[in-house]
Amino acid sequence: MSADDTPEEPKPEESKGAGGSERPEEPSGKPEEPVGAAREAEPPLPPLTGRQRLLHALWPPRFTRAQLTMAVLLCVLGLALAIQVRSNSESSVLRGARQEDLVRILDELDNRTKRLDDEKRRLEDQRTELESSSNQAAEARKQTAQKEQQLGVLAGTVAAQGPGIVLTVSDSKGAVEPDSLLDAIQELRAAGAEAIQINDVRVVAGTYFSGGAGKVEIDGKKISQPYKFKVIGKPDDLKPALNIPGGVVQTLQKEQAGVDISRSEKIIVDALRPAKRPDYARSSSQ
């Protein structure tokens, strides 16, 4: 065999790029390391502390349906407890009252109910008289005149007399606030007072109190102490209403004022208010 017949060694295939173009092999800078060896080279993570584990367990929050239901029930329970505590605090005055005071308050409520029933019965009787009277026009005029007198007493345009009480408040230290006198007026009205006069000022529906301690003004007019209330009404209802626990008398006594209540079968309320004609309002029957 001649030298020309020696078989040629196969040449390694040259790498080709995209499109079949030949691409020379790039020499590698350093031999590749196994993947396992790279992972072993990474340092291990430090263990979590107790605080980190707690934070990881709490955040982000993960709620289940049972937990949400329990949270709603706890909110409802807390609201019910708050309402119960508030109602107990509001009734603490009555709980601390003596038995005779509670009986007096109950009697006052019964008297108020009785007065409302009497007023209802009186109005029903008037309606019956108007419906059954043979001379309805004369009966209507009679009732109108009576109503005019009643409204005049309430409006303060006519004098009035009748049984009632006299409440005298001495304020030598000038500590009585106008609010305390206003509370006395409201308590007397709730007990059935029909006409009230303080010193020389007639108290009506539009009466207002102003000023400060020791400088009380009623409807813009300054009045001096002692403050003398002349009240027409049923004495058995008026006097207990002022002496209820936590009421007018105790409030005034806390302000270091002297309080005296006397009953009388004839109280004269003679301070008058001018009758004002309304500028715009007219009776709907005209």
Protein backbone atom coordinates (compact mmCIF):
# COMPACT_ATOMS: atom_id res chain seq x y z
CA MET A 1 0.00 0.00 0.00
CA SER A 2 1.39 3.31 -0.94
CA ALA A 3 1.54 6.38 1.22
CA ASP A 4 -1.21 8.00 -0.82
CA ASP A 5 -3.59 5.20 0.11
CA THR A 6 -3.42 6.00 3.92
CA PRO A 7 -6.97 6.70 5.14
CA GLU A 8 -7.66 10.26 6.27
CA GLU A 9 -8.69 10.86 9.87
CA PRO A 10 -12.16 12.35 10.24
CA LYS A 11 -12.09 16.06 11.00
CA PRO A 12 -14.23 17.35 13.79
CA GLU A 13 -17.32 19.10 12.60
CA GLU A 14 -17.12 22.82 12.86
CA SER A 15 -19.90 24.51 14.81
CA LYS A 16 -22.27 26.38 12.70
CA GLY A 17 -24.26 29.38 13.55
CA ALA A 18 -27.75 30.24 12.60
CA GLY A 19 -28.47 29.84 8.93
CA GLY A 20 -25.79 27.23 8.54
CA SER A 21 -22.90 29.69 8.77
CA GLU A 22 -19.87 28.43 10.42
CA ARG A 23 -19.05 29.84 13.91
CA PRO A 24 -15.64 29.34 15.41
CA GLU A 25 -15.62 27.76 18.85
CA GLU A 26 -15.00 30.17 21.68
CA PRO A 27 -12.30 29.12 23.99
CA SER A 28 -13.62 28.68 27.53
CA GLY A 29 -11.84 30.76 30.12
CA LYS A 30 -11.94 28.09 32.81
CA PRO A 31 -13.40 24.68 33.12
CA GLU A 32 -17.03 24.42 34.18
CA GLU A 33 -17.68 23.41 37.78
CA PRO A 34 -20.34 20.90 38.71
CA VAL A 35 -23.72 22.23 39.93
CA GLY A 36 -23.47 20.35 43.15
CA ALA A 37 -20.19 21.97 43.97
CA ALA A 38 -21.69 25.48 43.43
CA ARG A 39 -24.56 24.74 45.81
CA GLU A 40 -22.23 23.45 48.43
CA ALA A 41 -20.23 26.64 48.21
CA GLU A 42 -23.25 28.85 49.28
CA PRO A 43 -23.23 29.67 53.01
CA PRO A 44 -26.17 28.20 54.98
CA LEU A 45 -29.00 30.57 56.08
CA PRO A 46 -28.94 31.57 59.75
CA PRO A 47 -31.70 30.05 61.89
CA LEU A 48 -34.81 32.24 62.55
CA THR A 49 -35.20 33.79 65.96
CA GLY A 50 -38.38 33.46 68.01
CA ARG A 51 -39.50 36.98 67.16
CA GLN A 52 -38.99 36.38 63.44
CA ARG A 53 -40.97 33.15 63.60
CA LEU A 54 -43.78 34.99 65.44
CA LEU A 55 -43.88 37.78 62.86
CA HIS A 56 -43.86 35.26 60.06
CA ALA A 57 -46.82 33.48 61.64
CA LEU A 58 -48.83 36.69 62.19
CA TRP A 59 -48.07 38.61 58.99
CA PRO A 60 -49.56 38.53 56.48
CA PRO A 61 -52.74 37.78 58.45
CA ARG A 62 -54.58 34.64 57.58
CA PHE A 63 -58.22 34.57 58.72
CA THR A 64 -60.54 31.64 58.61
CA ARG A 65 -64.30 31.78 58.60
CA ALA A 66 -64.44 30.60 62.20
CA GLN A 67 -62.09 33.37 63.31
CA LEU A 68 -64.15 36.05 61.53
CA THR A 69 -67.34 34.73 63.10
CA MET A 70 -65.74 34.82 66.54
CA ALA A 71 -64.54 38.42 66.00
CA VAL A 72 -68.06 39.56 65.07
CA LEU A 73 -69.54 37.86 68.13
CA LEU A 74 -66.97 39.51 70.41
CA CYS A 75 -67.78 42.96 68.93
CA VAL A 76 -71.50 42.43 69.54
CA LEU A 77 -70.81 41.28 73.10
CA GLY A 78 -68.64 44.34 73.80
CA LEU A 79 -71.35 46.68 72.48
CA ALA A 80 -73.98 45.01 74.66
CA LEU A 81 -71.76 45.35 77.74
CA ALA A 82 -71.16 49.06 77.02
CA ILE A 83 -74.91 49.71 76.72
CA GLN A 84 -75.56 47.82 79.94
CA VAL A 85 -72.92 49.80 81.85
CA ARG A 86 -74.34 53.09 80.57
CA SER A 87 -77.89 52.18 81.55
CA ASN A 88 -76.71 51.14 85.01
CA SER A 89 -74.89 54.45 85.51
CA GLU A 90 -77.97 56.43 84.47
CA SER A 91 -80.18 54.61 86.98
CA SER A 92 -77.61 54.80 89.80
CA VAL A 93 -79.46 57.77 91.36
CA LEU A 94 -82.66 55.78 91.72
CA ARG A 95 -80.81 52.71 92.98
CA GLY A 96 -79.22 54.74 95.75
CA ALA A 97 -82.50 56.40 96.76
CA ARG A 98 -84.32 55.49 99.91
CA GLN A 99 -87.58 53.58 99.89
CA GLU A 100 -89.65 56.61 100.88
CA ASP A 101 -88.03 58.63 98.07
CA LEU A 102 -88.93 55.97 95.54
CA VAL A 103 -92.51 55.92 96.83
CA ARG A 104 -92.65 59.71 96.47
CA ILE A 105 -91.38 59.55 92.86
CA LEU A 106 -93.94 56.84 92.05
CA ASP A 107 -96.72 58.95 93.57
CA GLU A 108 -95.65 61.93 91.46
CA LEU A 109 -95.78 59.84 88.29
CA ASP A 110 -99.24 58.60 89.26
CA ASN A 111 -100.39 62.18 89.85
CA ARG A 112 -99.13 63.26 86.43
CA THR A 113 -100.98 60.39 84.82
CA LYS A 114 -104.14 61.32 86.72
CA ARG A 115 -103.90 64.95 85.56
CA LEU A 116 -103.58 63.87 81.94
CA ASP A 117 -106.57 61.56 82.30
CA ASP A 118 -108.63 64.39 83.84
CA GLU A 119 -107.70 66.71 80.98
CA LYS A 120 -108.69 64.08 78.45
CA ARG A 121 -112.02 63.52 80.22
CA ARG A 122 -112.71 67.27 80.38
CA LEU A 123 -112.12 67.68 76.65
CA GLU A 124 -114.36 64.73 75.90
CA ASP A 125 -117.11 66.28 78.06
CA GLN A 126 -116.81 69.55 76.16
CA ARG A 127 -117.14 67.74 72.88
CA THR A 128 -120.22 65.90 74.17
CA GLU A 129 -121.83 69.15 75.32
CA LEU A 130 -121.25 70.75 71.95
CA GLU A 131 -122.73 67.77 70.13
CA SER A 132 -125.79 67.39 72.39
CA SER A 133 -126.61 71.00 73.31
CA SER A 134 -129.84 72.40 71.87
CA ASN A 135 -128.27 75.81 71.48
CA GLN A 136 -124.85 74.94 70.15
CA ALA A 137 -123.94 78.55 69.32
CA ALA A 138 -124.44 79.72 72.93
CA GLU A 139 -122.53 76.74 74.29
CA ALA A 140 -119.70 77.41 71.86
CA ARG A 141 -119.48 81.07 72.98
CA LYS A 142 -119.45 79.98 76.63
CA GLN A 143 -116.62 77.55 76.08
CA THR A 144 -114.77 80.12 73.99
CA ALA A 145 -114.90 82.63 76.84
CA GLN A 146 -113.65 80.02 79.29
CA LYS A 147 -110.85 79.07 76.93
CA GLU A 148 -109.92 82.72 76.53
CA GLN A 149 -109.51 83.08 80.30
CA GLN A 150 -107.40 79.92 80.47
CA LEU A 151 -105.17 81.05 77.63
CA GLY A 152 -104.86 84.49 79.23
CA VAL A 153 -103.56 82.89 82.42
CA LEU A 154 -101.06 80.80 80.46
CA ALA A 155 -99.99 83.79 78.33
CA GLY A 156 -99.66 86.01 81.40
CA THR A 157 -102.07 88.68 80.15
CA VAL A 158 -104.52 88.29 83.06
CA ALA A 159 -104.00 87.92 86.80
CA ALA A 160 -104.64 84.61 88.49
CA GLN A 161 -105.22 83.29 91.99
CA GLY A 162 -105.56 79.89 93.57
CA PRO A 163 -103.85 77.38 95.85
CA GLY A 164 -100.17 76.68 95.46
CA ILE A 165 -96.76 77.18 97.03
CA VAL A 166 -94.19 79.92 97.57
CA LEU A 167 -90.58 78.93 96.90
CA THR A 168 -87.96 81.31 98.30
CA VAL A 169 -84.31 80.92 97.27
CA SER A 170 -81.78 82.94 99.27
CA ASP A 171 -78.45 83.43 97.49
CA SER A 172 -76.36 85.54 99.87
CA LYS A 173 -73.10 84.22 98.36
CA GLY A 174 -74.15 84.84 94.76
CA ALA A 175 -73.54 81.24 93.70
CA VAL A 176 -76.91 80.33 92.15
CA GLU A 177 -76.72 79.94 88.37
CA PRO A 178 -79.59 80.84 86.01
CA ASP A 179 -79.73 77.18 84.93
CA SER A 180 -80.74 76.16 88.45
CA LEU A 181 -83.71 78.54 88.42
CA LEU A 182 -84.68 77.31 84.97
CA ASP A 183 -84.61 73.72 86.26
CA ALA A 184 -86.97 74.76 89.05
CA ILE A 185 -89.40 76.25 86.51
CA GLN A 186 -89.35 73.11 84.38
CA GLU A 187 -89.88 70.85 87.39
CA LEU A 188 -92.83 72.97 88.56
CA ARG A 189 -94.41 72.91 85.11
CA ALA A 190 -94.01 69.15 84.92
CA ALA A 191 -95.74 68.89 88.32
CA GLY A 192 -98.78 70.81 87.06
CA ALA A 193 -98.01 74.49 87.79
CA GLU A 194 -100.54 76.71 86.00
CA ALA A 195 -99.14 80.17 86.75
CA ILE A 196 -95.67 81.20 87.95
CA GLN A 197 -94.21 84.53 88.98
CA ILE A 198 -90.61 85.20 90.09
CA ASN A 199 -90.32 88.44 92.04
CA ASP A 200 -92.15 90.85 89.69
CA VAL A 201 -91.67 88.91 86.43
CA ARG A 202 -94.43 86.69 85.00
CA VAL A 203 -93.10 83.40 83.68
CA VAL A 204 -94.65 82.30 80.38
CA ALA A 205 -93.79 79.86 77.61
CA GLY A 206 -91.27 82.23 76.01
CA THR A 207 -89.45 83.17 79.22
CA TYR A 208 -85.66 82.85 79.09
CA PHE A 209 -82.90 83.10 81.69
CA SER A 210 -79.51 84.73 81.16
CA GLY A 211 -76.65 86.30 83.09
CA GLY A 212 -74.40 84.49 85.54
CA ALA A 213 -74.11 83.46 89.17
CA GLY A 214 -75.49 86.23 91.36
CA LYS A 215 -76.51 88.25 88.28
CA VAL A 216 -79.59 86.43 87.04
CA GLU A 217 -81.71 88.03 84.34
CA ILE A 218 -85.20 86.92 83.30
CA ASP A 219 -86.32 88.04 79.85
CA GLY A 220 -83.50 90.58 79.89
CA LYS A 221 -84.54 92.07 83.24
CA LYS A 222 -82.15 91.73 86.17
CA ILE A 223 -83.69 90.38 89.37
CA SER A 224 -82.16 90.42 92.82
CA GLN A 225 -82.13 87.76 95.47
CA PRO A 226 -83.94 86.36 97.31
CA TYR A 227 -85.73 84.78 94.36
CA LYS A 228 -89.40 84.38 95.30
CA PHE A 229 -91.44 81.94 93.23
CA LYS A 230 -95.23 82.28 93.51
CA VAL A 231 -96.72 79.17 91.95
CA ILE A 232 -100.39 78.27 91.47
CA GLY A 233 -101.15 74.56 91.32
CA LYS A 234 -101.86 71.57 93.50
CA PRO A 235 -99.55 71.88 96.53
CA ASP A 236 -99.46 68.11 97.08
CA ASP A 237 -97.90 67.74 93.64
CA LEU A 238 -95.67 70.83 93.54
CA LYS A 239 -93.81 70.43 96.83
CA PRO A 240 -92.79 66.76 96.43
CA ALA A 241 -91.61 67.49 92.87
CA LEU A 242 -89.02 69.91 94.22
CA ASN A 243 -87.81 67.52 96.93
CA ILE A 244 -87.12 64.41 94.85
CA PRO A 245 -83.58 62.97 95.23
CA GLY A 246 -81.17 64.89 93.02
CA GLY A 247 -83.85 67.46 92.27
CA VAL A 248 -84.13 71.22 92.59
CA VAL A 249 -83.77 71.55 96.35
CA GLN A 250 -80.65 69.39 96.57
CA THR A 251 -79.08 71.18 93.59
CA LEU A 252 -79.65 74.61 95.15
CA GLN A 253 -78.33 73.44 98.49
CA LYS A 254 -75.14 72.25 96.80
CA GLU A 255 -74.76 75.81 95.53
CA GLN A 256 -74.96 76.94 99.20
CA ALA A 257 -78.34 78.58 98.74
CA GLY A 258 -81.13 78.66 101.28
CA VAL A 259 -84.41 77.06 100.19
CA ASP A 260 -87.80 77.51 101.84
CA ILE A 261 -91.10 76.07 100.58
CA SER A 262 -94.44 77.10 102.09
CA ARG A 263 -97.95 76.09 101.10
CA SER A 264 -100.86 78.49 100.75
CA GLU A 265 -104.51 78.16 99.81
CA LYS A 266 -104.47 81.52 98.05
CA ILE A 267 -101.57 82.53 95.83
CA ILE A 268 -101.99 85.72 93.81
CA VAL A 269 -100.03 86.05 90.58
CA ASP A 270 -100.55 89.61 89.41
CA ALA A 271 -97.49 90.38 87.24
CA LEU A 272 -98.84 90.82 83.71
CA ARG A 273 -97.48 90.55 80.23
CA PRO A 274 -98.63 92.93 77.48
CA ALA A 275 -100.90 91.29 74.94
CA LYS A 276 -99.08 91.43 71.63
CA ARG A 277 -100.95 91.21 68.35
CA PRO A 278 -99.11 89.06 65.85
CA ASP A 279 -97.88 90.83 62.75
CA TYR A 280 -98.48 88.04 60.26
CA ALA A 281 -100.37 85.17 61.90
CA ARG A 282 -104.16 85.22 61.66
CA SER A 283 -106.82 82.80 62.79
CA SER A 284 -107.61 80.22 60.14
CA SER A 285 -111.36 80.70 60.79
CA GLN A 286 -111.29 84.31 59.55
